[in-house]
């Protein structure tokens, strides 16, 4: 019987936890600098952090692994990294603009809609999901509504930006799903951040007035977001998504919102209502359900075992 694959979900869960816990750092950073400036600096830091990591990982590889790595198509690596970087730049900055015009709760709910968009796009890409995954998506969607939405739901100006953000993050996940099996995930992540940083830098110079003094004043939240939220978490996403169901990956990554609420509860002593706790429970149930193997796979494994 095939053993349970724990490495991929563990890396994706850790990425979601880092993103959730980095919410405070991102909020504090925005008190000092504007969105494009924040994303430019944090992305460049994320890319720089990965350079020594690539060197060390290369040294730890065996001669056979180095030989295989040398044969990797550099053109595919470059296309994958740049593609991810362009989409990440659009998604992260679109999200930041949307947050300026709507509540954080509604922003979290609308952004989490990528858990529905990814499997829908997957149908057109011939990546169909089993019924358990679709049920998990619906349960998670209800959970996010309970967790994030306090009042009624109405579409406003900022919500359009966040809907665009959800679509962009969906494409980001699918692009990673396409390129990650073919290239080195850490190298692709490094290219991704430099691409995102350069594009955000261009937008920063055109739309904003960057101030070195303000950037230095926000050094701690920017460093935290750059090293952990960008360098570590997005690399974990790329490596964790390798040969893994993209829809299940979105459910795991969507736990970012849950971890942000739980972190605020533990660290900042913010209170959680019964409604919010119910939402967290539903999302966890959805993630666990999505991890369970399909019945057909179990029966196939049993029949193969009986034949042997």
Protein backbone atom coordinates (compact mmCIF):
# COMPACT_ATOMS: atom_id res chain seq x y z
CA UNK A 1 0.00 0.00 0.00
CA UNK A 2 1.30 3.45 -0.92
CA UNK A 3 2.42 5.48 2.09
CA UNK A 4 0.85 8.84 2.86
CA UNK A 5 2.66 11.80 1.33
CA UNK A 6 3.22 14.13 4.27
CA UNK A 7 6.05 16.32 2.91
CA UNK A 8 4.00 18.33 0.39
CA UNK A 9 1.09 19.18 2.74
CA UNK A 10 3.54 19.91 5.57
CA UNK A 11 5.43 22.46 3.43
CA UNK A 12 2.18 24.06 2.23
CA UNK A 13 0.84 24.23 5.80
CA UNK A 14 4.07 25.88 6.98
CA UNK A 15 3.80 28.41 4.13
CA UNK A 16 0.21 29.21 5.15
CA UNK A 17 1.26 29.60 8.78
CA UNK A 18 4.08 32.01 7.89
CA UNK A 19 1.74 34.10 5.71
CA UNK A 20 -0.88 34.17 8.45
CA UNK A 21 1.57 35.20 11.15
CA UNK A 22 3.10 37.85 8.84
CA UNK A 23 -0.20 39.74 8.64
CA UNK A 24 0.79 42.01 11.55
CA UNK A 25 4.15 42.81 9.95
CA UNK A 26 2.52 43.71 6.64
CA UNK A 27 -0.04 45.95 8.35
CA UNK A 28 2.62 47.75 10.38
CA UNK A 29 4.82 48.20 7.31
CA UNK A 30 2.02 49.98 5.46
CA UNK A 31 2.05 52.66 8.17
CA UNK A 32 5.46 53.79 6.89
CA UNK A 33 5.58 53.10 3.15
CA UNK A 34 3.19 52.80 0.19
CA UNK A 35 2.10 49.47 -1.39
CA UNK A 36 4.45 49.32 -4.40
CA UNK A 37 7.41 50.40 -2.26
CA UNK A 38 6.65 47.74 0.35
CA UNK A 39 6.28 44.96 -2.25
CA UNK A 40 9.38 46.10 -4.16
CA UNK A 41 11.70 46.04 -1.13
CA UNK A 42 10.29 42.83 0.38
CA UNK A 43 10.54 40.99 -2.97
CA UNK A 44 14.14 42.06 -3.55
CA UNK A 45 15.02 40.92 -0.02
CA UNK A 46 13.29 37.60 -0.69
CA UNK A 47 15.36 37.08 -3.85
CA UNK A 48 18.64 38.04 -2.16
CA UNK A 49 17.99 35.66 0.75
CA UNK A 50 17.61 32.73 -1.65
CA UNK A 51 20.96 33.24 -3.42
CA UNK A 52 23.09 31.74 -0.58
CA UNK A 53 20.40 29.06 -0.11
CA UNK A 54 20.82 27.99 -3.75
CA UNK A 55 24.61 27.83 -3.29
CA UNK A 56 24.38 25.76 -0.10
CA UNK A 57 21.78 23.37 -1.51
CA UNK A 58 23.94 22.89 -4.59
CA UNK A 59 26.95 21.96 -2.42
CA UNK A 60 24.87 19.43 -0.46
CA UNK A 61 23.78 17.59 -3.62
CA UNK A 62 25.48 14.37 -4.67
CA UNK A 63 27.51 14.29 -7.93
CA UNK A 64 24.63 12.45 -9.64
CA UNK A 65 22.10 15.09 -8.50
CA UNK A 66 24.38 17.89 -9.69
CA UNK A 67 24.62 16.21 -13.07
CA UNK A 68 20.83 16.04 -13.37
CA UNK A 69 20.53 19.68 -12.22
CA UNK A 70 23.05 20.78 -14.85
CA UNK A 71 20.89 19.19 -17.56
CA UNK A 72 17.83 21.20 -16.50
CA UNK A 73 16.50 23.41 -19.27
CA UNK A 74 17.57 26.93 -18.26
CA UNK A 75 15.09 28.44 -20.70
CA UNK A 76 12.21 26.64 -18.96
CA UNK A 77 13.52 27.79 -15.57
CA UNK A 78 13.70 31.41 -16.74
CA UNK A 79 10.23 31.33 -18.33
CA UNK A 80 8.73 29.73 -15.22
CA UNK A 81 10.37 32.17 -12.82
CA UNK A 82 9.48 35.27 -14.84
CA UNK A 83 5.90 34.06 -15.39
CA UNK A 84 5.42 33.45 -11.65
CA UNK A 85 7.02 36.82 -10.86
CA UNK A 86 4.78 38.78 -13.21
CA UNK A 87 1.61 37.16 -11.84
CA UNK A 88 2.80 37.51 -8.23
CA UNK A 89 3.48 41.21 -8.81
CA UNK A 90 0.02 41.78 -10.25
CA UNK A 91 -1.71 39.70 -7.56
CA UNK A 92 0.06 41.12 -4.51
CA UNK A 93 -0.25 44.75 -5.61
CA UNK A 94 -3.87 44.32 -6.71
CA UNK A 95 -4.66 42.87 -3.30
CA UNK A 96 -2.97 45.78 -1.56
CA UNK A 97 -4.98 48.31 -3.57
CA UNK A 98 -8.20 46.45 -2.82
CA UNK A 99 -7.53 46.40 0.92
CA UNK A 100 -7.33 50.20 0.86
CA UNK A 101 -11.02 50.40 -0.12
CA UNK A 102 -12.66 47.60 1.86
CA UNK A 103 -12.62 45.86 5.23
CA UNK A 104 -9.95 43.31 6.11
CA UNK A 105 -12.60 40.65 6.76
CA UNK A 106 -14.20 41.06 3.35
CA UNK A 107 -10.74 41.18 1.75
CA UNK A 108 -9.85 37.85 3.33
CA UNK A 109 -13.07 36.24 2.12
CA UNK A 110 -12.84 37.51 -1.47
CA UNK A 111 -9.15 36.60 -1.79
CA UNK A 112 -9.96 33.09 -0.53
CA UNK A 113 -12.27 32.61 -3.51
CA UNK A 114 -9.28 31.17 -5.36
CA UNK A 115 -10.17 27.87 -3.67
CA UNK A 116 -13.19 27.82 -6.03
CA UNK A 117 -11.50 29.39 -9.07
CA UNK A 118 -8.58 26.92 -9.19
CA UNK A 119 -10.67 23.73 -9.59
CA UNK A 120 -12.91 25.49 -12.13
CA UNK A 121 -9.88 26.50 -14.21
CA UNK A 122 -8.52 22.98 -13.69
CA UNK A 123 -11.51 21.57 -15.61
CA UNK A 124 -10.43 23.48 -18.73
CA UNK A 125 -6.86 22.25 -18.20
CA UNK A 126 -8.06 18.62 -17.88
CA UNK A 127 -7.15 18.52 -14.17
CA UNK A 128 -10.43 17.21 -12.75
CA UNK A 129 -10.98 16.68 -9.03
CA UNK A 130 -12.83 13.97 -7.13
CA UNK A 131 -16.10 14.62 -5.31
CA UNK A 132 -14.35 14.87 -1.93
CA UNK A 133 -12.29 17.82 -3.12
CA UNK A 134 -15.39 19.63 -4.45
CA UNK A 135 -17.24 19.02 -1.16
CA UNK A 136 -14.16 20.31 0.69
CA UNK A 137 -14.18 23.48 -1.43
CA UNK A 138 -17.84 24.17 -0.56
CA UNK A 139 -17.28 23.50 3.17
CA UNK A 140 -14.20 25.76 3.15
CA UNK A 141 -16.13 28.51 1.37
CA UNK A 142 -18.83 28.43 4.08
CA UNK A 143 -16.11 28.43 6.73
CA UNK A 144 -14.43 31.48 5.23
CA UNK A 145 -17.74 33.31 5.13
CA UNK A 146 -18.28 32.66 8.86
CA UNK A 147 -14.67 33.57 9.65
CA UNK A 148 -14.31 36.75 7.60
CA UNK A 149 -17.75 38.22 6.96
CA UNK A 150 -19.27 40.00 9.97
CA UNK A 151 -22.00 42.04 8.28
CA UNK A 152 -23.80 41.63 4.96
CA UNK A 153 -22.06 41.20 1.64
CA UNK A 154 -22.23 43.89 -1.04
CA UNK A 155 -19.90 44.46 -3.99
CA UNK A 156 -17.94 47.73 -3.78
CA UNK A 157 -15.06 49.39 -5.62
CA UNK A 158 -12.31 47.66 -3.63
CA UNK A 159 -14.01 44.28 -4.02
CA UNK A 160 -13.46 44.37 -7.81
CA UNK A 161 -9.71 44.68 -7.20
CA UNK A 162 -9.81 41.78 -4.74
CA UNK A 163 -11.77 39.58 -7.15
CA UNK A 164 -9.07 40.28 -9.75
CA UNK A 165 -6.50 39.38 -7.08
CA UNK A 166 -8.23 36.04 -6.40
CA UNK A 167 -8.19 35.21 -10.14
CA UNK A 168 -4.50 36.18 -10.39
CA UNK A 169 -3.51 34.06 -7.39
CA UNK A 170 -5.40 31.16 -9.00
CA UNK A 171 -3.28 31.51 -12.14
CA UNK A 172 -0.17 31.80 -9.95
CA UNK A 173 -0.96 28.43 -8.35
CA UNK A 174 -1.62 26.79 -11.73
CA UNK A 175 1.56 28.23 -13.28
CA UNK A 176 3.59 26.86 -10.34
CA UNK A 177 1.83 23.51 -10.79
CA UNK A 178 2.95 23.48 -14.44
CA UNK A 179 6.61 24.49 -14.01
CA UNK A 180 7.59 23.09 -10.57
CA UNK A 181 8.02 19.43 -11.72
CA UNK A 182 10.42 20.53 -14.49
CA UNK A 183 12.79 22.91 -12.67
CA UNK A 184 14.56 23.61 -9.39
CA UNK A 185 11.92 25.17 -7.12
CA UNK A 186 14.32 27.37 -5.13
CA UNK A 187 15.92 28.81 -8.27
CA UNK A 188 12.52 29.49 -9.82
CA UNK A 189 11.40 31.20 -6.61
CA UNK A 190 14.52 33.41 -6.67
CA UNK A 191 13.81 34.51 -10.25
CA UNK A 192 10.18 35.08 -9.28
CA UNK A 193 11.08 37.54 -6.51
CA UNK A 194 13.54 39.55 -8.55
CA UNK A 195 10.95 39.82 -11.34
CA UNK A 196 8.25 40.89 -8.89
CA UNK A 197 10.64 43.33 -7.18
CA UNK A 198 11.76 44.97 -10.42
CA UNK A 199 8.20 45.38 -11.74
CA UNK A 200 6.98 46.73 -8.38
CA UNK A 201 9.98 49.07 -8.40
CA UNK A 202 8.99 50.51 -11.77
CA UNK A 203 5.44 51.08 -10.50
CA UNK A 204 6.88 52.58 -7.31
CA UNK A 205 8.90 55.17 -9.25
CA UNK A 206 5.94 56.05 -11.47
CA UNK A 207 3.10 56.10 -8.91
CA UNK A 208 4.73 56.75 -5.52
CA UNK A 209 7.38 58.89 -3.84
CA UNK A 210 9.74 56.40 -2.14
CA UNK A 211 11.61 57.77 0.85
CA UNK A 212 14.71 56.02 2.22
CA UNK A 213 14.00 57.34 5.70
CA UNK A 214 10.51 55.78 5.70
CA UNK A 215 11.86 52.48 4.37
CA UNK A 216 14.49 52.36 7.13
CA UNK A 217 11.81 53.20 9.70
CA UNK A 218 9.87 50.12 8.53
CA UNK A 219 12.95 47.87 8.44
CA UNK A 220 11.63 45.25 10.86
CA UNK A 221 8.25 44.50 9.21
CA UNK A 222 9.82 44.72 5.74
CA UNK A 223 12.63 42.34 6.77
CA UNK A 224 10.14 39.91 8.31
CA UNK A 225 7.93 39.99 5.23
CA UNK A 226 10.93 39.77 2.89
CA UNK A 227 12.76 36.88 4.55
CA UNK A 228 9.92 34.76 5.93
CA UNK A 229 6.74 35.69 4.06
CA UNK A 230 8.48 36.04 0.68
CA UNK A 231 11.79 34.14 0.67
CA UNK A 232 10.75 31.18 2.82
CA UNK A 233 6.97 30.84 2.41
CA UNK A 234 6.71 31.29 -1.37
CA UNK A 235 9.61 28.88 -1.86
CA UNK A 236 7.82 26.34 0.33
CA UNK A 237 4.75 26.85 -1.88
CA UNK A 238 6.70 26.13 -5.08
CA UNK A 239 8.48 23.07 -3.66
CA UNK A 240 5.34 21.84 -1.86
CA UNK A 241 3.19 22.08 -5.00
CA UNK A 242 5.56 19.88 -6.99
CA UNK A 243 3.58 16.86 -8.29
CA UNK A 244 0.70 17.72 -5.95
CA UNK A 245 -3.00 18.32 -6.64
CA UNK A 246 -3.34 22.11 -7.17
CA UNK A 247 -6.88 22.24 -5.74
CA UNK A 248 -5.85 20.48 -2.52
CA UNK A 249 -2.85 22.84 -2.41
CA UNK A 250 -5.19 25.85 -2.53
CA UNK A 251 -7.16 24.49 0.43
CA UNK A 252 -3.98 24.11 2.46
CA UNK A 253 -2.68 27.54 1.47
CA UNK A 254 -6.04 29.14 2.28
CA UNK A 255 -5.43 28.29 5.94
CA UNK A 256 -3.43 31.54 5.90
CA UNK A 257 -6.60 33.37 6.97
CA UNK A 258 -7.23 30.91 9.80
CA UNK A 259 -3.66 31.18 11.07
CA UNK A 260 -3.83 34.99 10.97
CA UNK A 261 -6.94 34.93 13.18
CA UNK A 262 -5.45 32.33 15.55
CA UNK A 263 -2.16 34.26 15.74
CA UNK A 264 -4.06 37.41 16.69
CA UNK A 265 -5.89 35.38 19.34
CA UNK A 266 -2.70 33.92 20.86
CA UNK A 267 -0.20 36.78 20.41
CA UNK A 268 -2.39 39.89 20.46
CA UNK A 269 -5.07 38.38 22.76
CA UNK A 270 -7.84 39.25 20.30
CA UNK A 271 -11.15 37.55 21.09
CA UNK A 272 -12.76 35.00 18.76
CA UNK A 273 -16.53 34.74 18.51
CA UNK A 274 -18.40 31.44 18.25
CA UNK A 275 -19.07 32.28 14.59
CA UNK A 276 -15.34 32.75 13.86
CA UNK A 277 -14.40 29.57 15.71
CA UNK A 278 -17.06 27.67 13.74
CA UNK A 279 -15.55 29.00 10.52
CA UNK A 280 -12.08 27.81 11.57
CA UNK A 281 -13.43 24.35 12.41
CA UNK A 282 -15.21 24.04 9.04
CA UNK A 283 -12.06 25.03 7.13
CA UNK A 284 -9.96 22.49 9.04
CA UNK A 285 -12.58 19.79 8.30
CA UNK A 286 -12.46 20.73 4.62
CA UNK A 287 -8.66 20.43 4.52
CA UNK A 288 -8.68 17.05 6.28
CA UNK A 289 -11.43 15.73 3.97
CA UNK A 290 -9.45 16.81 0.90
CA UNK A 291 -6.42 14.86 2.17
CA UNK A 292 -8.33 11.56 2.43
CA UNK A 293 -7.67 9.14 -0.47
CA UNK A 294 -10.48 8.39 -2.91
CA UNK A 295 -12.37 5.11 -2.43
CA UNK A 296 -11.44 3.98 -5.94
CA UNK A 297 -7.77 4.34 -5.12
CA UNK A 298 -8.23 2.29 -1.94
CA UNK A 299 -10.05 -0.47 -3.83
CA UNK A 300 -7.35 -0.49 -6.54
CA UNK A 301 -4.65 -0.84 -3.91
CA UNK A 302 -6.54 -3.71 -2.26
CA UNK A 303 -7.02 -5.57 -5.56
CA UNK A 304 -3.36 -5.18 -6.46
CA UNK A 305 -2.39 -6.46 -3.03
CA UNK A 306 -4.75 -9.46 -3.43
CA UNK A 307 -3.25 -10.31 -6.84
CA UNK A 308 0.26 -10.36 -5.42
